Amino acid sequence: MHNSHDPKVLPQRDGVSPSCVVAPSQGEGLLIDFLCERLHTVGRAEWLRRMTVGEMVCETGERAEQGSLFAPGLRYYYYRKLENEPEIPFAAEVIYRDEHLLVADKPHFLPVVPAGQYLQNTLLVRLKREFDVPELSPIHRIDRDTAGLVVFSVQRATRGVYQALFRERSIHKTYEAVAPYRADLTFPREHVSRMEESSQFFRMLEVAGEPNSRTQMDIIEHNDAWARYRLSPVSGKRHQLRVHMLALGLPLKGDALYPVVNDALPGDYSNPLQLLARSLAFDDPLTGFRREFFSRRNLLPLI
């Protein structure tokens, strides 16, 4: 499943692009039986409702009906729907916008893109609705738990040149984090390691082998117990900063994944992860101008 779609087949609705499911190259029988098996959490009654109101369309533009046969290899588009989606009571701030780029300053707890139980309460969908920019797409991601800067491409035509900046690591990113202070560690320092996914698919581990992750670290301020760190990732592995700090015995304050998984109750926003995407700087590939953006958010003071 993915969200690439032909807008002529099903348009965006409320800022959300239709989802897509591709039928396997082999199979037979009714389409609805395949959908119920492949996407079983939706339920037969809901698939029937979508078909009845014209919300299930194949790539040719033909509406899928209750009696439609499975067609091998065909793409089918539909509107994803979430019951009881949690409301995220925090808003992002747009700090820059032109015809090519939009830079948002994201609060903690707000996902960047639709996934799992979040659809309307995501940064991407909120921005699409607020600014009526159907081609808006994030050029990079930060975790739902992390606050700070996210850069979006406004139009598909120039998206590739900006995506290349991130792919080629031509963007200088700095983060701030609050974590324990250890007098026995010297800063500034660079942390290099090999990171891979653990058996818990959403967590990462440091393992032996050729390094594939690198972070530059420094201390901004500290007291006897806590420090505010400046972290500059050279590579972009998932959860890299959290894992690298943990490896030094410095788990980030408010981290619900490292060192142990500690799921908060729904609606509990009392202990945000103390990690902030503070700044972004790069040479604009279209204009040649130097661009620098800074988050206006702040982490908790040291106590």
Protein backbone atom coordinates (compact mmCIF):
# COMPACT_ATOMS: atom_id res chain seq x y z
CA MET A 1 0.00 0.00 0.00
CA HIS A 2 1.16 3.50 -0.71
CA ASN A 3 -0.20 6.98 -1.33
CA SER A 4 0.99 7.63 -4.87
CA HIS A 5 -2.11 8.26 -6.92
CA ASP A 6 -3.60 9.69 -10.07
CA PRO A 7 -5.77 12.67 -9.00
CA LYS A 8 -8.06 12.05 -11.97
CA VAL A 9 -9.06 8.71 -10.44
CA LEU A 10 -9.89 9.91 -6.92
CA PRO A 11 -9.08 13.47 -5.80
CA GLN A 12 -7.65 14.44 -2.44
CA ARG A 13 -10.30 14.84 0.23
CA ASP A 14 -9.81 16.92 3.37
CA GLY A 15 -6.10 17.09 2.60
CA VAL A 16 -5.75 13.31 2.35
CA SER A 17 -4.66 11.52 -0.79
CA PRO A 18 -6.46 8.24 -1.47
CA SER A 19 -4.65 5.09 -0.44
CA CYS A 20 -3.77 2.44 -3.00
CA VAL A 21 -3.73 -1.34 -2.90
CA VAL A 22 -2.28 -3.37 -5.76
CA ALA A 23 -3.81 -6.72 -6.61
CA PRO A 24 -1.24 -9.54 -6.87
CA SER A 25 -0.29 -10.81 -10.32
CA GLN A 26 -2.12 -14.08 -9.70
CA GLY A 27 -5.51 -14.77 -8.21
CA GLU A 28 -9.21 -15.03 -8.97
CA GLY A 29 -12.63 -14.56 -7.44
CA LEU A 30 -14.37 -11.45 -6.15
CA LEU A 31 -12.47 -8.23 -5.45
CA ILE A 32 -14.19 -7.77 -2.11
CA ASP A 33 -12.97 -11.17 -0.89
CA PHE A 34 -9.39 -10.15 -1.72
CA LEU A 35 -9.81 -6.81 0.08
CA CYS A 36 -11.25 -8.45 3.18
CA GLU A 37 -8.30 -10.84 3.28
CA ARG A 38 -5.58 -8.29 2.49
CA LEU A 39 -6.95 -5.41 4.58
CA HIS A 40 -8.91 -7.38 7.12
CA THR A 41 -9.09 -4.61 9.74
CA VAL A 42 -11.49 -2.62 7.54
CA GLY A 43 -14.29 -5.19 7.48
CA ARG A 44 -16.65 -6.35 4.72
CA ALA A 45 -19.42 -3.93 5.63
CA GLU A 46 -17.10 -0.92 5.30
CA TRP A 47 -15.74 -2.11 1.91
CA LEU A 48 -19.33 -2.53 0.70
CA ARG A 49 -20.19 0.98 1.91
CA ARG A 50 -17.19 2.45 0.05
CA MET A 51 -18.17 0.65 -3.14
CA THR A 52 -21.78 1.76 -2.85
CA VAL A 53 -20.88 5.46 -2.57
CA GLY A 54 -18.18 5.33 -5.26
CA GLU A 55 -15.15 5.48 -2.95
CA MET A 56 -13.45 2.42 -4.43
CA VAL A 57 -12.03 3.04 -7.90
CA CYS A 58 -9.55 1.12 -10.04
CA GLU A 59 -6.72 2.83 -11.96
CA THR A 60 -8.81 2.97 -15.16
CA GLY A 61 -11.33 5.17 -13.36
CA GLU A 62 -13.95 2.41 -13.23
CA ARG A 63 -15.87 2.11 -9.97
CA ALA A 64 -15.51 -1.14 -8.08
CA GLU A 65 -18.85 -2.79 -7.29
CA GLN A 66 -19.93 -5.52 -4.91
CA GLY A 67 -19.76 -8.07 -7.72
CA SER A 68 -16.50 -6.82 -9.29
CA LEU A 69 -14.03 -9.59 -10.07
CA PHE A 70 -10.44 -9.63 -8.87
CA ALA A 71 -8.19 -8.25 -11.66
CA PRO A 72 -4.52 -9.33 -11.31
CA GLY A 73 -2.01 -6.48 -11.11
CA LEU A 74 -4.59 -3.69 -11.08
CA ARG A 75 -4.31 -0.74 -8.69
CA TYR A 76 -7.34 0.15 -6.60
CA TYR A 77 -7.76 3.50 -4.87
CA TYR A 78 -9.87 4.21 -1.81
CA TYR A 79 -10.26 6.74 0.99
CA ARG A 80 -8.82 5.59 4.24
CA LYS A 81 -11.06 6.27 7.19
CA LEU A 82 -10.22 6.24 10.89
CA GLU A 83 -12.74 5.84 13.66
CA ASN A 84 -11.99 7.70 16.88
CA GLU A 85 -8.75 9.29 15.69
CA PRO A 86 -7.00 10.94 18.65
CA GLU A 87 -7.07 14.73 18.54
CA ILE A 88 -3.58 16.25 18.90
CA PRO A 89 -4.12 19.54 20.79
CA PHE A 90 -0.91 21.21 19.58
CA ALA A 91 -0.39 23.26 16.43
CA ALA A 92 2.62 23.69 14.17
CA GLU A 93 3.86 27.09 13.05
CA VAL A 94 4.85 27.81 9.46
CA ILE A 95 8.03 29.89 9.59
CA TYR A 96 8.76 30.09 5.84
CA ARG A 97 6.87 29.61 2.58
CA ASP A 98 7.56 30.31 -1.08
CA GLU A 99 6.59 28.69 -4.38
CA HIS A 100 8.97 25.77 -3.81
CA LEU A 101 9.39 25.26 -0.06
CA LEU A 102 7.39 25.36 3.15
CA VAL A 103 9.16 25.06 6.51
CA ALA A 104 7.08 24.12 9.55
CA ASP A 105 8.01 24.19 13.23
CA LYS A 106 6.38 21.06 14.60
CA PRO A 107 5.21 20.49 18.18
CA HIS A 108 5.95 17.32 20.10
CA PHE A 109 3.44 14.46 19.61
CA LEU A 110 2.26 15.47 16.10
CA PRO A 111 3.12 12.88 13.40
CA VAL A 112 4.51 14.23 10.14
CA VAL A 113 2.58 11.90 7.78
CA PRO A 114 -0.47 9.65 8.11
CA ALA A 115 0.24 6.28 9.71
CA GLY A 116 -1.42 3.98 12.21
CA GLN A 117 -4.13 5.78 14.15
CA TYR A 118 -3.32 9.25 12.80
CA LEU A 119 -4.67 10.78 9.58
CA GLN A 120 -6.19 14.26 9.98
CA ASN A 121 -4.01 14.90 13.04
CA THR A 122 -0.77 14.86 11.09
CA LEU A 123 1.41 17.77 10.04
CA LEU A 124 1.13 17.00 6.31
CA VAL A 125 -2.66 16.78 6.19
CA ARG A 126 -3.16 19.84 8.39
CA LEU A 127 -0.88 21.92 6.14
CA LYS A 128 -2.52 20.67 2.94
CA ARG A 129 -5.89 21.73 4.27
CA GLU A 130 -4.74 25.06 5.70
CA PHE A 131 -2.86 26.22 2.61
CA ASP A 132 -4.71 24.23 -0.09
CA VAL A 133 -1.45 22.81 -1.48
CA PRO A 134 -2.34 19.35 -2.87
CA GLU A 135 1.22 18.53 -4.00
CA LEU A 136 2.77 19.29 -0.60
CA SER A 137 5.20 16.55 0.43
CA PRO A 138 7.81 16.29 3.22
CA ILE A 139 11.40 16.19 1.96
CA HIS A 140 12.52 14.49 5.19
CA ARG A 141 10.93 13.24 8.40
CA ILE A 142 11.33 13.61 12.12
CA ASP A 143 9.74 11.35 14.71
CA ARG A 144 6.31 12.09 16.12
CA ASP A 145 8.01 12.44 19.52
CA THR A 146 10.50 15.06 18.25
CA ALA A 147 9.69 18.76 17.93
CA GLY A 148 11.16 21.25 15.49
CA LEU A 149 11.79 21.90 11.82
CA VAL A 150 10.35 19.93 8.90
CA VAL A 151 10.90 21.00 5.28
CA PHE A 152 8.17 20.38 2.68
CA SER A 153 8.25 20.55 -1.10
CA VAL A 154 5.34 22.65 -2.39
CA GLN A 155 5.33 21.39 -5.98
CA ARG A 156 6.27 18.13 -7.61
CA ALA A 157 8.22 19.84 -10.41
CA THR A 158 11.09 20.99 -8.16
CA ARG A 159 10.85 18.31 -5.46
CA GLY A 160 13.74 16.22 -6.77
CA VAL A 161 16.41 18.91 -6.43
CA TYR A 162 15.55 19.44 -2.77
CA GLN A 163 15.26 15.72 -2.02
CA ALA A 164 18.78 15.35 -3.40
CA LEU A 165 20.10 17.71 -0.72
CA PHE A 166 18.98 15.34 2.01
CA ARG A 167 19.99 12.23 0.10
CA GLU A 168 23.49 13.61 -0.47
CA ARG A 169 23.74 14.97 3.10
CA SER A 170 24.23 18.51 1.86
CA ILE A 171 22.04 19.92 4.64
CA HIS A 172 23.54 20.89 7.99
CA LYS A 173 21.09 19.94 10.75
CA THR A 174 21.42 20.63 14.46
CA TYR A 175 19.30 19.31 17.27
CA GLU A 176 19.07 20.13 20.95
CA ALA A 177 18.51 17.45 23.57
CA VAL A 178 18.27 17.27 27.35
CA ALA A 179 19.91 14.21 28.91
CA PRO A 180 21.93 13.35 32.03
CA TYR A 181 25.27 15.05 32.58
CA ARG A 182 28.35 12.88 32.99
CA ALA A 183 31.50 14.61 34.14
CA ASP A 184 33.64 11.67 32.96
CA LEU A 185 32.74 12.24 29.29
CA THR A 186 34.55 14.89 27.27
CA PHE A 187 32.82 17.12 24.73
CA PRO A 188 32.82 17.98 21.89
CA ARG A 189 33.02 14.45 20.58
CA GLU A 190 31.91 12.38 17.61
CA HIS A 191 30.01 9.13 17.97
CA VAL A 192 30.29 6.56 15.18
CA SER A 193 28.64 3.14 15.10
CA ARG A 194 26.75 0.57 13.05
CA MET A 195 22.98 0.72 13.57
CA GLU A 196 20.44 -1.91 12.52
CA GLU A 197 16.81 -2.68 13.25
CA SER A 198 16.20 -4.82 16.30
CA SER A 199 13.69 -7.67 16.54
CA GLN A 200 11.30 -5.03 17.86
CA PHE A 201 10.76 -3.47 14.44
CA PHE A 202 10.36 0.10 15.67
CA ARG A 203 13.61 0.12 17.68
CA MET A 204 17.21 0.35 16.51
CA LEU A 205 20.36 -1.22 17.94
CA GLU A 206 24.08 -0.61 17.77
CA VAL A 207 25.86 -3.72 16.50
CA ALA A 208 29.39 -4.73 15.56
CA GLY A 209 30.50 -4.06 11.99
CA GLU A 210 31.22 -1.33 9.47
CA PRO A 211 29.92 2.01 10.84
CA ASN A 212 26.89 3.50 9.08
CA SER A 213 25.95 6.30 11.49
CA ARG A 214 27.79 9.36 12.73
CA THR A 215 26.82 12.16 15.12
CA GLN A 216 28.77 15.21 16.29
CA MET A 217 28.00 16.14 19.90
CA ASP A 218 28.65 19.08 22.18
CA ILE A 219 27.34 20.52 25.46
CA ILE A 220 25.53 23.86 25.45
CA GLU A 221 25.04 24.09 29.23
CA HIS A 222 24.85 21.76 32.22
CA ASN A 223 24.36 21.49 35.95
CA ASP A 224 25.32 18.59 38.22
CA ALA A 225 22.49 16.36 36.98
CA TRP A 226 21.43 17.41 33.48
CA ALA A 227 22.90 18.89 30.33
CA ARG A 228 21.59 20.50 27.18
CA TYR A 229 23.39 18.99 24.19
CA ARG A 230 23.87 20.15 20.62
CA LEU A 231 23.70 17.16 18.28
CA SER A 232 24.55 17.28 14.58
CA PRO A 233 23.77 14.06 12.71
CA VAL A 234 26.06 13.47 9.74
CA SER A 235 24.05 10.40 8.69
CA GLY A 236 20.30 9.98 8.96
CA LYS A 237 19.47 6.63 10.54
CA ARG A 238 16.12 6.21 12.28
CA HIS A 239 16.34 7.10 15.98
CA GLN A 240 20.05 7.81 15.48
CA LEU A 241 20.40 10.57 18.07
CA ARG A 242 18.45 8.65 20.71
CA VAL A 243 20.50 5.47 20.17
CA HIS A 244 23.85 7.26 20.07
CA MET A 245 23.15 9.15 23.29
CA LEU A 246 21.95 5.99 24.99
CA ALA A 247 25.18 4.24 23.98
CA LEU A 248 27.04 6.87 26.02
CA GLY A 249 24.81 6.27 29.03
CA LEU A 250 22.87 9.46 28.28
CA PRO A 251 19.25 8.46 27.54
CA LEU A 252 17.21 11.48 26.47
CA LYS A 253 14.78 12.87 29.00
CA GLY A 254 11.23 11.76 28.24
CA ASP A 255 12.28 8.98 25.84
CA ALA A 256 9.51 6.36 25.71
CA LEU A 257 11.51 3.95 23.51
CA TYR A 258 15.06 3.93 24.86
CA PRO A 259 16.33 2.33 27.01
CA VAL A 260 12.94 0.63 27.54
CA VAL A 261 9.56 0.93 25.83
CA ASN A 262 7.22 2.90 28.05
CA ASP A 263 3.97 3.63 26.24
CA ALA A 264 2.11 6.64 27.59
CA LEU A 265 -1.63 6.48 27.96
CA PRO A 266 -3.62 8.07 25.11
CA GLY A 267 -3.89 11.80 25.70
CA ASP A 268 -0.97 11.90 28.14
CA TYR A 269 1.28 14.73 26.95
CA SER A 270 2.98 15.32 30.30
CA ASN A 271 6.45 13.97 29.45
CA PRO A 272 7.55 15.07 25.96
CA LEU A 273 10.80 13.74 24.54
CA GLN A 274 13.44 16.40 25.08
CA LEU A 275 14.65 16.46 21.49
CA LEU A 276 14.27 19.47 19.18
CA ALA A 277 15.23 19.87 15.52
CA ARG A 278 16.72 23.33 16.13
CA SER A 279 18.22 24.45 12.81
CA LEU A 280 18.62 23.64 9.11
CA ALA A 281 21.07 25.23 6.69
CA PHE A 282 21.76 24.57 3.01
CA ASP A 283 22.60 26.21 -0.30
CA ASP A 284 19.38 26.47 -2.31
CA PRO A 285 19.91 24.43 -5.51
CA LEU A 286 17.59 26.70 -7.50
CA THR A 287 18.80 30.15 -6.41
CA GLY A 288 22.27 29.43 -5.01
CA PHE A 289 21.38 31.45 -1.90
CA ARG A 290 22.26 30.19 1.57
CA ARG A 291 19.15 29.30 3.53
CA GLU A 292 19.05 28.98 7.31
CA PHE A 293 16.00 28.21 9.42
CA PHE A 294 15.68 28.13 13.21
CA SER A 295 12.99 26.61 15.40
CA ARG A 296 11.21 29.02 17.72
CA ARG A 297 10.45 26.24 20.19
CA ASN A 298 12.37 25.49 23.36
CA LEU A 299 12.99 22.40 25.45
CA LEU A 300 12.41 22.34 29.19
CA PRO A 301 14.90 24.23 31.35
CA LEU A 302 17.48 22.20 33.23
CA ILE A 303 16.42 21.43 36.79
